[in-house]
Amino acid sequence: MGTISLPVRCDRAAAEALWPELVGAVGNAPIEIDGSGVEHVGQAVLQLLVSARRSGGGARIEASPALLQAAALTGLQSELFEEGDA
């Protein structure tokens, strides 16, 4: 499986659209998620990313400044990113 790219606007509608792709990607290897272009992220996508990190082989997330900021504001940095990631 290739990299799953997050849209610029990661709202509830984006979470609903991403859900089947992420479920299909769960396996023994980490899912590669490209969030480098994210400019807005809502709680639904943050929850989806936490779920991806906890499922199967986990997930590696490349983060934009907006995604990093949202993770910091919600206290999810350590949940979403390994030390040295993003």
N, C-alpha and C. Protein backbone atom coordinates (compact mmCIF):
# COMPACT_ATOMS: atom_id res chain seq x y z
N MET A 1 0.85 -1.18 0.00
CA MET A 1 0.00 0.00 0.00
C MET A 1 0.88 1.23 0.00
N GLY A 2 0.47 2.25 -0.72
CA GLY A 2 1.22 3.49 -0.77
C GLY A 2 0.87 4.39 0.40
N THR A 3 1.23 5.62 0.25
CA THR A 3 0.98 6.62 1.28
C THR A 3 -0.44 7.15 1.16
N ILE A 4 -1.09 7.35 2.30
CA ILE A 4 -2.40 7.98 2.33
C ILE A 4 -2.18 9.46 2.59
N SER A 5 -2.68 10.29 1.67
CA SER A 5 -2.51 11.74 1.79
C SER A 5 -3.75 12.37 2.41
N LEU A 6 -3.52 13.20 3.41
CA LEU A 6 -4.62 13.93 4.03
C LEU A 6 -4.91 15.19 3.22
N PRO A 7 -6.19 15.58 3.16
CA PRO A 7 -6.54 16.80 2.42
C PRO A 7 -6.12 18.05 3.18
N VAL A 8 -6.20 19.18 2.51
CA VAL A 8 -5.86 20.47 3.12
C VAL A 8 -6.78 20.74 4.31
N ARG A 9 -8.05 20.47 4.13
CA ARG A 9 -9.04 20.69 5.20
C ARG A 9 -9.48 19.34 5.75
N CYS A 10 -9.06 19.03 6.94
CA CYS A 10 -9.36 17.75 7.58
C CYS A 10 -10.49 17.94 8.59
N ASP A 11 -11.71 17.96 8.08
CA ASP A 11 -12.88 18.11 8.93
C ASP A 11 -13.62 16.79 9.03
N ARG A 12 -14.82 16.82 9.54
CA ARG A 12 -15.59 15.58 9.71
C ARG A 12 -15.84 14.88 8.38
N ALA A 13 -16.16 15.64 7.35
CA ALA A 13 -16.39 15.04 6.03
C ALA A 13 -15.13 14.34 5.54
N ALA A 14 -13.98 14.93 5.78
CA ALA A 14 -12.71 14.30 5.38
C ALA A 14 -12.49 13.02 6.17
N ALA A 15 -12.83 13.03 7.46
CA ALA A 15 -12.68 11.82 8.29
C ALA A 15 -13.54 10.70 7.74
N GLU A 16 -14.77 11.01 7.37
CA GLU A 16 -15.68 10.01 6.82
C GLU A 16 -15.14 9.45 5.50
N ALA A 17 -14.53 10.30 4.69
CA ALA A 17 -13.97 9.85 3.41
C ALA A 17 -12.70 9.04 3.60
N LEU A 18 -11.90 9.37 4.60
CA LEU A 18 -10.63 8.68 4.86
C LEU A 18 -10.80 7.34 5.56
N TRP A 19 -11.86 7.20 6.32
CA TRP A 19 -12.07 6.00 7.14
C TRP A 19 -11.92 4.70 6.35
N PRO A 20 -12.62 4.51 5.23
CA PRO A 20 -12.49 3.23 4.52
C PRO A 20 -11.07 2.97 4.01
N GLU A 21 -10.39 4.02 3.57
CA GLU A 21 -9.02 3.87 3.07
C GLU A 21 -8.08 3.43 4.20
N LEU A 22 -8.24 4.04 5.37
CA LEU A 22 -7.40 3.66 6.51
C LEU A 22 -7.70 2.25 6.99
N VAL A 23 -8.96 1.89 7.04
CA VAL A 23 -9.33 0.53 7.46
C VAL A 23 -8.73 -0.49 6.50
N GLY A 24 -8.79 -0.20 5.21
CA GLY A 24 -8.23 -1.10 4.21
C GLY A 24 -6.72 -1.21 4.28
N ALA A 25 -6.07 -0.21 4.85
CA ALA A 25 -4.61 -0.19 4.91
C ALA A 25 -4.05 -0.86 6.17
N VAL A 26 -4.91 -1.15 7.14
CA VAL A 26 -4.44 -1.74 8.40
C VAL A 26 -3.86 -3.13 8.13
N GLY A 27 -2.67 -3.34 8.65
CA GLY A 27 -1.99 -4.62 8.51
C GLY A 27 -0.88 -4.71 9.52
N ASN A 28 0.14 -5.49 9.18
CA ASN A 28 1.27 -5.66 10.09
C ASN A 28 2.30 -4.55 9.96
N ALA A 29 2.32 -3.87 8.84
CA ALA A 29 3.27 -2.78 8.62
C ALA A 29 2.60 -1.44 8.93
N PRO A 30 3.39 -0.45 9.33
CA PRO A 30 2.81 0.87 9.61
C PRO A 30 2.20 1.50 8.35
N ILE A 31 1.10 2.19 8.54
CA ILE A 31 0.47 2.96 7.47
C ILE A 31 1.27 4.26 7.35
N GLU A 32 1.59 4.63 6.14
CA GLU A 32 2.27 5.91 5.89
C GLU A 32 1.20 6.96 5.60
N ILE A 33 1.17 8.02 6.41
CA ILE A 33 0.17 9.07 6.25
C ILE A 33 0.89 10.40 6.01
N ASP A 34 0.56 11.03 4.88
CA ASP A 34 1.15 12.32 4.54
C ASP A 34 0.19 13.44 4.92
N GLY A 35 0.49 14.12 5.98
CA GLY A 35 -0.31 15.25 6.43
C GLY A 35 0.43 16.56 6.24
N SER A 36 1.42 16.58 5.35
CA SER A 36 2.26 17.76 5.18
C SER A 36 1.52 18.95 4.58
N GLY A 37 0.39 18.71 3.92
CA GLY A 37 -0.36 19.80 3.31
C GLY A 37 -1.57 20.25 4.11
N VAL A 38 -1.76 19.69 5.30
CA VAL A 38 -2.93 20.02 6.11
C VAL A 38 -2.84 21.46 6.62
N GLU A 39 -3.92 22.21 6.41
CA GLU A 39 -3.99 23.58 6.91
C GLU A 39 -5.01 23.74 8.03
N HIS A 40 -5.98 22.83 8.08
CA HIS A 40 -7.02 22.85 9.13
C HIS A 40 -7.31 21.41 9.51
N VAL A 41 -7.36 21.14 10.81
CA VAL A 41 -7.67 19.78 11.25
C VAL A 41 -8.65 19.84 12.42
N GLY A 42 -9.68 19.02 12.32
CA GLY A 42 -10.70 18.96 13.37
C GLY A 42 -10.54 17.71 14.22
N GLN A 43 -11.35 17.65 15.25
CA GLN A 43 -11.27 16.56 16.22
C GLN A 43 -11.53 15.20 15.59
N ALA A 44 -12.43 15.11 14.63
CA ALA A 44 -12.75 13.82 14.02
C ALA A 44 -11.53 13.21 13.34
N VAL A 45 -10.75 14.01 12.64
CA VAL A 45 -9.55 13.49 11.98
C VAL A 45 -8.48 13.16 13.01
N LEU A 46 -8.35 13.96 14.05
CA LEU A 46 -7.39 13.63 15.11
C LEU A 46 -7.73 12.28 15.73
N GLN A 47 -9.01 12.02 15.98
CA GLN A 47 -9.42 10.74 16.52
C GLN A 47 -9.10 9.60 15.55
N LEU A 48 -9.32 9.84 14.27
CA LEU A 48 -9.02 8.84 13.25
C LEU A 48 -7.52 8.54 13.21
N LEU A 49 -6.69 9.56 13.33
CA LEU A 49 -5.24 9.36 13.33
C LEU A 49 -4.78 8.60 14.57
N VAL A 50 -5.37 8.89 15.71
CA VAL A 50 -5.04 8.14 16.92
C VAL A 50 -5.40 6.67 16.72
N SER A 51 -6.56 6.42 16.16
CA SER A 51 -6.98 5.05 15.88
C SER A 51 -6.02 4.35 14.93
N ALA A 52 -5.58 5.06 13.90
CA ALA A 52 -4.63 4.47 12.94
C ALA A 52 -3.32 4.12 13.63
N ARG A 53 -2.87 4.98 14.53
CA ARG A 53 -1.61 4.71 15.24
C ARG A 53 -1.73 3.50 16.16
N ARG A 54 -2.92 3.25 16.69
CA ARG A 54 -3.12 2.14 17.63
C ARG A 54 -3.50 0.82 16.94
N SER A 55 -3.79 0.86 15.66
CA SER A 55 -4.28 -0.32 14.95
C SER A 55 -3.17 -1.04 14.20
N GLY A 56 -3.29 -2.34 14.11
CA GLY A 56 -2.38 -3.15 13.32
C GLY A 56 -0.93 -2.82 13.57
N GLY A 57 -0.24 -2.44 12.50
CA GLY A 57 1.18 -2.09 12.58
C GLY A 57 1.41 -0.64 12.94
N GLY A 58 0.34 0.09 13.23
CA GLY A 58 0.48 1.50 13.58
C GLY A 58 0.49 2.39 12.35
N ALA A 59 0.97 3.60 12.54
CA ALA A 59 1.03 4.57 11.44
C ALA A 59 2.18 5.54 11.68
N ARG A 60 2.77 5.97 10.59
CA ARG A 60 3.77 7.04 10.62
C ARG A 60 3.12 8.24 9.95
N ILE A 61 3.13 9.36 10.64
CA ILE A 61 2.44 10.55 10.15
C ILE A 61 3.44 11.66 9.89
N GLU A 62 3.46 12.13 8.65
CA GLU A 62 4.24 13.33 8.31
C GLU A 62 3.31 14.51 8.52
N ALA A 63 3.69 15.43 9.36
CA ALA A 63 2.76 16.49 9.78
C ALA A 63 3.14 17.86 9.25
N SER A 64 2.10 18.64 8.98
CA SER A 64 2.25 20.06 8.65
C SER A 64 2.32 20.84 9.96
N PRO A 65 2.69 22.11 9.89
CA PRO A 65 2.66 22.93 11.11
C PRO A 65 1.26 22.98 11.74
N ALA A 66 0.21 23.04 10.93
CA ALA A 66 -1.16 23.09 11.46
C ALA A 66 -1.51 21.79 12.19
N LEU A 67 -1.08 20.66 11.66
CA LEU A 67 -1.35 19.38 12.31
C LEU A 67 -0.55 19.26 13.61
N LEU A 68 0.68 19.71 13.60
CA LEU A 68 1.48 19.73 14.83
C LEU A 68 0.86 20.62 15.89
N GLN A 69 0.36 21.77 15.47
CA GLN A 69 -0.26 22.71 16.41
C GLN A 69 -1.53 22.11 17.01
N ALA A 70 -2.35 21.47 16.17
CA ALA A 70 -3.58 20.85 16.68
C ALA A 70 -3.25 19.74 17.67
N ALA A 71 -2.21 18.96 17.38
CA ALA A 71 -1.80 17.90 18.29
C ALA A 71 -1.33 18.50 19.62
N ALA A 72 -0.60 19.60 19.55
CA ALA A 72 -0.13 20.26 20.77
C ALA A 72 -1.29 20.82 21.59
N LEU A 73 -2.25 21.45 20.92
CA LEU A 73 -3.40 22.04 21.61
C LEU A 73 -4.26 20.99 22.30
N THR A 74 -4.31 19.79 21.75
CA THR A 74 -5.15 18.73 22.30
C THR A 74 -4.37 17.76 23.18
N GLY A 75 -3.07 17.96 23.30
CA GLY A 75 -2.26 17.07 24.12
C GLY A 75 -2.00 15.72 23.47
N LEU A 76 -2.07 15.66 22.15
CA LEU A 76 -1.91 14.39 21.44
C LEU A 76 -0.54 14.21 20.77
N GLN A 77 0.42 15.07 21.06
CA GLN A 77 1.72 14.97 20.39
C GLN A 77 2.32 13.58 20.54
N SER A 78 2.40 13.10 21.77
CA SER A 78 3.04 11.80 21.99
C SER A 78 2.20 10.65 21.46
N GLU A 79 0.91 10.85 21.36
CA GLU A 79 0.02 9.83 20.82
C GLU A 79 0.14 9.72 19.30
N LEU A 80 0.36 10.85 18.64
CA LEU A 80 0.38 10.88 17.18
C LEU A 80 1.78 10.79 16.57
N PHE A 81 2.77 11.24 17.30
CA PHE A 81 4.11 11.33 16.71
C PHE A 81 5.14 10.72 17.66
N GLU A 82 6.04 9.96 17.06
CA GLU A 82 7.16 9.44 17.83
C GLU A 82 8.19 10.54 17.94
N GLU A 83 9.00 10.48 18.95
CA GLU A 83 10.05 11.48 19.11
C GLU A 83 10.92 11.52 17.87
N GLY A 84 11.09 12.70 17.30
CA GLY A 84 11.89 12.86 16.10
C GLY A 84 11.06 12.80 14.82
N ASP A 85 9.78 12.40 14.90
CA ASP A 85 8.91 12.40 13.73
C ASP A 85 8.43 13.80 13.43
N ALA A 86 7.74 13.88 12.27
CA ALA A 86 7.06 15.09 11.83
C ALA A 86 8.02 16.15 11.53
